[in-house]
N, C-alpha and C. Protein backbone atom coordinates (compact mmCIF):
# COMPACT_ATOMS: atom_id res chain seq x y z
N MET A 1 112.29 126.47 41.81
CA MET A 1 112.18 126.13 43.24
C MET A 1 111.21 125.23 42.82
N VAL A 2 111.37 123.61 43.35
CA VAL A 2 110.27 123.02 43.73
C VAL A 2 109.67 123.23 44.68
N THR A 3 108.01 123.43 45.87
CA THR A 3 108.10 123.55 46.05
C THR A 3 107.11 122.11 47.74
N PRO A 4 108.14 121.81 47.91
CA PRO A 4 107.28 120.80 49.01
C PRO A 4 105.71 120.41 48.78
N GLY A 5 105.38 119.13 48.83
CA GLY A 5 104.04 118.85 48.58
C GLY A 5 103.25 118.74 51.22
N PRO A 6 102.46 118.55 50.86
CA PRO A 6 101.85 117.75 52.72
C PRO A 6 102.16 116.80 52.42
N PRO A 7 102.99 117.20 53.78
CA PRO A 7 103.65 115.85 54.61
C PRO A 7 103.10 114.81 54.16
N PRO A 8 102.78 113.40 53.47
CA PRO A 8 102.35 112.15 53.60
C PRO A 8 101.18 111.53 55.14
N PHE A 9 100.46 111.00 54.76
CA PHE A 9 98.96 110.11 55.66
C PHE A 9 98.35 111.95 55.97
N GLY A 10 98.31 112.32 55.72
CA GLY A 10 97.41 113.57 56.52
C GLY A 10 98.14 114.86 56.74
N GLY A 11 97.58 115.11 57.29
CA GLY A 11 97.91 117.40 57.39
C GLY A 11 99.39 117.59 58.45
N GLY A 12 99.55 118.41 58.91
CA GLY A 12 100.63 118.53 59.44
C GLY A 12 100.70 119.07 60.26
N GLY A 13 99.47 118.91 60.67
CA GLY A 13 99.30 118.67 62.81
C GLY A 13 99.36 118.33 63.59
N PHE A 14 98.30 118.60 64.60
CA PHE A 14 98.97 117.16 65.58
C PHE A 14 99.04 115.68 65.46
N ASP A 15 100.24 114.77 65.51
CA ASP A 15 100.06 113.40 65.37
C ASP A 15 100.14 112.89 66.90
N PHE A 16 99.08 111.90 66.46
CA PHE A 16 98.69 111.05 67.54
C PHE A 16 99.80 110.31 68.36
N PHE A 17 100.70 109.52 66.88
CA PHE A 17 101.68 108.32 67.30
C PHE A 17 102.74 109.42 67.96
N ASP A 18 103.05 110.95 67.28
CA ASP A 18 104.56 111.07 67.90
C ASP A 18 104.23 111.47 69.45
N PHE A 19 102.78 111.79 69.89
CA PHE A 19 102.46 112.46 71.04
C PHE A 19 102.83 111.13 72.49
N MET A 20 102.00 110.12 72.41
CA MET A 20 102.27 108.63 72.19
C MET A 20 103.84 107.68 72.83
N PHE A 21 104.57 108.34 71.22
CA PHE A 21 106.28 108.02 71.93
C PHE A 21 107.00 108.91 72.61
N ARG A 22 106.97 110.33 72.09
CA ARG A 22 107.59 111.30 73.68
C ARG A 22 106.72 111.20 75.15
N ILE A 23 105.12 110.83 74.85
CA ILE A 23 104.43 110.46 76.52
C ILE A 23 105.15 109.65 77.00
N PHE A 24 105.21 108.59 76.61
CA PHE A 24 104.88 106.45 77.03
C PHE A 24 106.81 106.25 77.98
N PRO A 25 107.87 107.11 77.51
CA PRO A 25 108.90 106.91 79.17
C PRO A 25 108.22 108.00 80.49
N PHE A 26 107.81 108.98 79.73
CA PHE A 26 106.59 109.15 81.50
C PHE A 26 105.82 109.14 81.73
N ILE A 27 105.63 108.32 81.51
CA ILE A 27 104.70 107.03 82.46
C ILE A 27 104.82 106.11 82.21
N PHE A 28 106.12 105.09 81.88
CA PHE A 28 105.94 104.64 82.15
C PHE A 28 107.47 104.69 83.41
N GLY A 29 108.01 105.38 83.27
CA GLY A 29 108.50 106.48 84.33
C GLY A 29 107.87 105.81 86.09
N ILE A 30 106.46 107.07 85.64
CA ILE A 30 105.81 107.01 86.80
C ILE A 30 105.62 105.17 87.18
N VAL A 31 104.84 104.61 86.85
CA VAL A 31 104.27 103.60 87.16
C VAL A 31 105.59 102.88 87.43
N PHE A 32 106.95 103.05 87.22
CA PHE A 32 107.83 102.04 88.04
C PHE A 32 108.69 102.37 89.46
N ILE A 33 108.51 104.25 89.41
CA ILE A 33 108.81 104.06 90.33
C ILE A 33 107.60 104.35 91.50
N ILE A 34 106.68 104.36 91.04
CA ILE A 34 105.29 103.49 92.46
C ILE A 34 105.37 102.07 93.14
N ILE A 35 106.05 101.67 91.64
CA ILE A 35 106.48 100.46 91.66
C ILE A 35 107.08 100.15 93.01
N VAL A 36 108.33 100.46 93.06
CA VAL A 36 110.21 100.60 93.51
C VAL A 36 109.22 101.36 95.22
N ALA A 37 108.56 102.49 94.67
CA ALA A 37 108.21 103.23 96.31
C ALA A 37 107.41 101.94 97.06
N SER A 38 106.36 101.21 96.22
CA SER A 38 105.88 100.63 97.08
C SER A 38 106.43 99.56 97.65
N PHE A 39 107.38 98.41 97.35
CA PHE A 39 108.11 97.75 97.60
C PHE A 39 108.68 98.58 98.74
N ILE A 40 109.17 99.87 98.43
CA ILE A 40 110.76 100.29 99.71
C ILE A 40 109.72 100.31 101.33
N MET A 41 108.23 100.47 100.46
CA MET A 41 106.97 100.82 101.58
C MET A 41 106.65 99.48 102.94
N ASN A 42 106.81 98.06 101.35
CA ASN A 42 106.01 97.09 102.06
C ASN A 42 107.53 96.79 102.88
N GLY A 43 108.62 96.54 103.16
CA GLY A 43 109.64 96.59 103.37
C GLY A 43 109.82 97.13 104.23
N ALA A 44 110.21 98.77 104.18
CA ALA A 44 110.38 99.06 105.59
C ALA A 44 108.97 98.72 106.35
N ARG A 45 108.09 98.18 106.28
CA ARG A 45 106.32 98.63 107.68
C ARG A 45 106.97 97.39 107.55
N TYR A 46 107.84 95.87 107.05
CA TYR A 46 107.79 94.45 108.35
C TYR A 46 109.05 94.94 108.53
N PHE A 47 110.17 95.44 108.06
CA PHE A 47 111.57 95.15 109.56
C PHE A 47 110.61 96.45 110.84
N LYS A 48 109.70 97.69 110.19
CA LYS A 48 109.55 97.95 111.41
C LYS A 48 108.44 97.09 112.44
N ASN A 49 107.85 96.44 112.17
CA ASN A 49 107.00 95.49 112.60
C ASN A 49 108.52 93.99 113.42
N ALA A 50 108.41 93.53 112.11
CA ALA A 50 110.08 92.74 113.33
C ALA A 50 110.57 93.34 114.20
N ARG A 51 111.40 94.27 113.83
CA ARG A 51 112.13 94.72 115.62
C ARG A 51 111.58 94.81 116.62
N THR A 52 109.65 94.98 116.40
CA THR A 52 109.42 95.79 117.77
C THR A 52 109.36 94.68 118.66
N PRO A 53 109.25 95.05 119.72
CA PRO A 53 109.62 94.08 120.93
C PRO A 53 108.21 93.57 120.46
N ARG A 54 108.59 92.35 121.39
CA ARG A 54 107.05 91.61 121.78
C ARG A 54 106.04 92.01 123.26
N SER A 55 105.34 92.23 122.76
CA SER A 55 104.45 92.38 124.36
C SER A 55 102.91 91.91 124.68
N SER A 56 102.85 91.25 125.53
CA SER A 56 101.50 90.11 125.84
C SER A 56 101.15 91.87 126.53
N VAL A 57 99.44 91.32 125.85
CA VAL A 57 98.83 92.52 126.40
C VAL A 57 96.34 91.39 127.49
N TYR A 58 96.72 92.10 127.98
CA TYR A 58 94.65 90.64 128.36
C TYR A 58 93.73 92.10 127.54
N ALA A 59 93.45 91.39 126.62
CA ALA A 59 93.03 92.21 125.80
C ALA A 59 91.04 90.79 125.77
N ARG A 60 90.55 91.70 124.99
CA ARG A 60 89.29 90.91 124.60
C ARG A 60 89.22 90.90 122.21
N VAL A 61 88.72 90.30 121.87
CA VAL A 61 88.38 89.99 120.42
C VAL A 61 87.26 90.02 120.23
N ILE A 62 87.40 91.45 119.58
CA ILE A 62 86.06 92.17 119.00
C ILE A 62 85.11 91.89 117.17
N SER A 63 86.46 91.93 116.91
CA SER A 63 85.66 91.35 115.42
C SER A 63 86.46 91.17 114.36
N LYS A 64 86.54 89.88 113.54
CA LYS A 64 87.55 89.28 112.22
C LYS A 64 87.31 88.91 111.89
N ARG A 65 87.97 90.61 110.64
CA ARG A 65 87.76 89.87 109.13
C ARG A 65 88.64 89.73 107.86
N MET A 66 88.62 89.87 106.43
CA MET A 66 89.37 88.67 105.44
C MET A 66 89.40 89.81 104.76
N ASP A 67 90.47 90.14 104.28
CA ASP A 67 90.71 91.04 103.10
C ASP A 67 91.37 90.33 101.68
N ILE A 68 90.18 89.68 100.45
CA ILE A 68 90.76 89.48 98.98
C ILE A 68 91.38 90.15 98.37
N ARG A 69 92.72 90.32 98.52
CA ARG A 69 92.99 90.83 96.61
C ARG A 69 93.19 90.01 95.74
N HIS A 70 92.98 90.60 94.84
CA HIS A 70 93.50 89.30 93.90
C HIS A 70 94.45 90.60 92.29
N HIS A 71 94.78 89.35 92.09
CA HIS A 71 96.34 90.71 91.17
C HIS A 71 95.97 89.39 89.56
N SER A 72 94.89 90.85 88.30
CA SER A 72 95.53 89.57 87.25
C SER A 72 96.52 89.69 86.14
N GLY A 73 96.03 88.57 86.14
CA GLY A 73 97.46 88.61 84.68
C GLY A 73 96.87 88.86 83.17
N SER A 74 97.27 88.68 82.00
CA SER A 74 96.94 89.03 80.90
C SER A 74 95.50 88.14 80.89
N HIS A 75 94.60 88.18 79.65
CA HIS A 75 93.75 87.87 79.27
C HIS A 75 93.44 88.57 77.08
N HIS A 76 93.74 87.09 76.86
CA HIS A 76 93.56 87.09 76.11
C HIS A 76 92.80 86.17 74.64
N ASP A 77 92.01 86.37 73.95
CA ASP A 77 90.88 85.19 72.83
C ASP A 77 92.20 83.71 72.62
N ASN A 78 92.72 82.53 72.04
CA ASN A 78 93.20 82.15 71.92
C ASN A 78 93.04 81.63 70.49
N GLY A 79 92.26 82.10 69.80
CA GLY A 79 91.60 81.72 68.39
C GLY A 79 90.85 80.29 68.63
N SER A 80 89.99 80.48 69.67
CA SER A 80 89.06 79.43 69.45
C SER A 80 87.69 79.95 70.46
N GLY A 81 87.52 80.74 71.19
CA GLY A 81 86.72 81.65 71.74
C GLY A 81 86.40 81.48 73.19
N PHE A 82 87.72 80.88 73.18
CA PHE A 82 88.05 81.32 74.48
C PHE A 82 88.94 82.37 75.25
N VAL A 83 88.38 82.74 76.25
CA VAL A 83 90.09 83.40 76.83
C VAL A 83 90.31 82.69 77.72
N ASN A 84 91.76 82.96 77.69
CA ASN A 84 92.72 82.45 78.89
C ASN A 84 92.57 83.48 79.69
N SER A 85 93.33 83.44 81.32
CA SER A 85 93.18 84.18 82.06
C SER A 85 94.37 83.77 83.32
N SER A 86 94.71 84.50 83.50
CA SER A 86 95.58 84.09 84.57
C SER A 86 95.84 84.79 85.60
N GLY A 87 96.06 84.58 86.46
CA GLY A 87 95.83 85.82 88.29
C GLY A 87 95.72 84.46 89.45
N SER A 88 95.79 85.29 90.24
CA SER A 88 96.26 84.90 91.93
C SER A 88 94.98 85.66 92.50
N SER A 89 95.51 85.57 93.87
CA SER A 89 94.60 86.17 95.29
C SER A 89 94.92 85.26 96.60
N ARG A 90 95.39 86.69 97.32
CA ARG A 90 96.19 85.97 98.78
C ARG A 90 94.69 86.82 99.80
N THR A 91 95.05 86.01 100.90
CA THR A 91 93.58 87.03 101.59
C THR A 91 94.46 87.41 103.07
N TYR A 92 94.17 88.13 103.50
CA TYR A 92 94.66 88.76 104.66
C TYR A 92 93.69 89.08 105.45
N TYR A 93 94.77 88.24 106.83
CA TYR A 93 93.19 87.79 107.89
C TYR A 93 93.87 88.87 109.58
N TYR A 94 93.15 89.81 109.20
CA TYR A 94 92.96 90.65 110.81
C TYR A 94 92.41 89.83 111.01
N ILE A 95 92.51 90.43 112.64
CA ILE A 95 92.05 90.53 114.63
C ILE A 95 92.00 91.67 114.96
N THR A 96 90.78 92.50 115.73
CA THR A 96 90.62 93.37 116.70
C THR A 96 90.26 92.92 117.90
N LEU A 97 91.31 93.77 118.43
CA LEU A 97 91.16 93.47 120.58
C LEU A 97 91.12 94.79 121.09
N GLU A 98 90.24 94.70 121.93
CA GLU A 98 89.71 95.38 122.68
C GLU A 98 90.83 95.45 124.21
N PHE A 99 90.95 96.44 124.13
CA PHE A 99 91.92 96.56 126.03
C PHE A 99 91.43 97.32 127.34
N ASP A 100 91.78 96.73 128.46
CA ASP A 100 90.88 97.00 129.35
C ASP A 100 90.31 98.44 129.67
N ASN A 101 91.37 99.44 128.73
CA ASN A 101 91.00 100.95 128.42
C ASN A 101 89.51 100.91 127.41
N GLY A 102 89.75 100.52 126.93
CA GLY A 102 88.73 100.53 126.18
C GLY A 102 89.25 101.04 124.17
N GLU A 103 90.86 100.82 124.22
CA GLU A 103 91.24 100.93 123.49
C GLU A 103 91.32 100.31 122.55
N ARG A 104 91.14 99.88 120.88
CA ARG A 104 90.04 99.57 120.68
C ARG A 104 91.49 98.81 119.09
N LYS A 105 92.07 98.36 118.99
CA LYS A 105 92.93 98.24 117.28
C LYS A 105 93.32 96.55 116.85
N GLU A 106 93.18 97.00 115.29
CA GLU A 106 93.25 96.32 114.64
C GLU A 106 94.59 95.24 114.20
N TYR A 107 94.43 94.54 114.24
CA TYR A 107 96.18 93.37 114.09
C TYR A 107 95.99 92.54 112.68
N LEU A 108 96.93 92.68 112.00
CA LEU A 108 97.42 92.10 111.37
C LEU A 108 97.73 90.24 111.32
N ASP A 109 97.59 89.03 111.28
CA ASP A 109 97.20 87.72 111.47
C ASP A 109 97.84 86.96 111.26
N VAL A 110 99.67 87.28 111.50
CA VAL A 110 100.47 86.63 110.44
C VAL A 110 101.46 85.51 111.06
N LYS A 111 100.54 84.36 111.96
CA LYS A 111 100.82 83.08 112.29
C LYS A 111 99.04 82.80 112.56
N HIS A 112 98.46 82.60 111.60
CA HIS A 112 97.40 82.00 111.51
C HIS A 112 96.53 81.54 112.97
N LEU A 113 95.90 82.87 113.31
CA LEU A 113 95.62 82.34 115.13
C LEU A 113 93.69 82.94 114.10
N TYR A 114 94.02 82.78 113.37
CA TYR A 114 92.19 83.55 111.94
C TYR A 114 90.50 83.04 112.91
N GLY A 115 91.59 81.40 113.48
CA GLY A 115 90.43 80.07 113.61
C GLY A 115 90.23 79.82 114.47
N LEU A 116 91.76 80.16 115.27
CA LEU A 116 91.42 79.74 116.35
C LEU A 116 90.85 80.70 117.90
N VAL A 117 89.98 81.85 117.25
CA VAL A 117 90.62 82.57 118.04
C VAL A 117 88.45 83.27 117.57
N ALA A 118 87.50 82.82 118.81
CA ALA A 118 86.76 83.65 118.33
C ALA A 118 85.99 85.17 118.83
N GLU A 119 85.42 85.74 118.35
CA GLU A 119 84.89 86.84 118.61
C GLU A 119 84.32 86.25 120.35
N GLY A 120 84.39 88.01 121.29
CA GLY A 120 84.14 87.98 122.33
C GLY A 120 85.41 86.31 123.31
N ASP A 121 86.40 85.94 122.40
CA ASP A 121 87.32 85.54 123.56
C ASP A 121 88.29 86.74 124.20
N GLU A 122 88.56 86.50 125.55
CA GLU A 122 89.29 87.24 126.02
C GLU A 122 90.34 86.16 126.93
N GLY A 123 91.69 87.11 127.24
CA GLY A 123 92.75 86.45 127.76
C GLY A 123 94.10 87.73 127.06
N TYR A 124 95.86 86.61 127.03
CA TYR A 124 96.16 87.60 127.05
C TYR A 124 96.78 87.67 125.26
N ALA A 125 97.09 88.51 124.79
CA ALA A 125 97.61 88.55 123.52
C ALA A 125 98.59 89.39 122.97
N ALA A 126 98.86 88.28 122.66
CA ALA A 126 100.94 88.66 121.74
C ALA A 126 100.84 89.20 120.09
N VAL A 127 101.64 90.65 121.30
CA VAL A 127 101.49 91.61 119.65
C VAL A 127 103.21 92.28 119.75
N GLN A 128 103.37 92.35 117.98
CA GLN A 128 103.96 93.00 118.18
C GLN A 128 104.24 94.07 116.40
N GLY A 129 103.83 95.19 117.09
CA GLY A 129 104.03 96.23 116.09
C GLY A 129 102.37 96.64 115.57
N ASP A 130 102.62 95.65 114.12
CA ASP A 130 100.80 95.69 114.03
C ASP A 130 100.39 94.44 114.19
N TRP A 131 100.90 93.58 114.15
CA TRP A 131 101.30 92.10 114.39
C TRP A 131 100.36 91.69 115.31
N ILE A 132 99.81 90.37 114.85
CA ILE A 132 98.97 89.51 116.58
C ILE A 132 100.02 88.33 115.96
N VAL A 133 100.50 87.88 117.07
CA VAL A 133 101.41 86.68 116.29
C VAL A 133 100.82 85.86 118.19
N GLY A 134 100.30 86.24 118.55
CA GLY A 134 99.74 84.76 119.79
C GLY A 134 99.14 85.62 120.56
N PHE A 135 97.83 83.97 120.75
CA PHE A 135 96.96 84.47 121.62
C PHE A 135 96.89 83.19 122.48
N GLU A 136 96.87 83.00 123.76
CA GLU A 136 96.53 83.03 125.18
C GLU A 136 95.10 82.71 125.54
N ARG A 137 93.93 82.29 125.01
CA ARG A 137 92.47 81.82 126.08
C ARG A 137 92.70 82.42 127.07
N GLU A 138 91.02 82.71 128.48
CA GLU A 138 91.28 82.64 129.30
C GLU A 138 90.97 81.58 129.92
N VAL A 139 91.66 80.80 131.17
CA VAL A 139 91.17 79.45 131.94
C VAL A 139 89.17 79.48 132.05
N GLY A 140 88.50 79.17 131.56
CA GLY A 140 87.47 79.11 131.75
C GLY A 140 86.50 79.42 130.27
N GLN A 141 87.01 79.53 129.48
CA GLN A 141 87.19 80.62 128.32
C GLN A 141 86.27 79.10 127.79
N THR A 142 85.59 79.36 126.65
CA THR A 142 84.90 78.43 125.16
C THR A 142 84.84 78.32 124.28
N PRO A 143 85.37 76.95 123.31
CA PRO A 143 86.47 77.64 122.36
C PRO A 143 84.84 77.74 122.09
């Protein structure tokens, strides 16, 4: 009777590659679910804001801020010593308003008002959900 020898490439203990091939589908599935959930949540937020009726409120611009988000692509050495990289960035603009009752709220600027208003401006702001869609400076205010 022939007894089998040890398995090739080492002992019969923990096999890292076998473990990775077994766990990869789970990791891939979790990442896929997170990406799909992100798209659904962003779409739901967009439709919620788009369906909200516009309202015009008297307010003062308290602050403005930018949020720059970077998305990088693959980085690799093409053999010449230079690293090729691709990526993009997107800038989101926010305007914080203070209302007559003292409440403050930050709105996403979807109509490119960021450069047209200054901190301290007072006037009528058109808001729609979490978006600021218009601002009419009060007569007598200077730009």
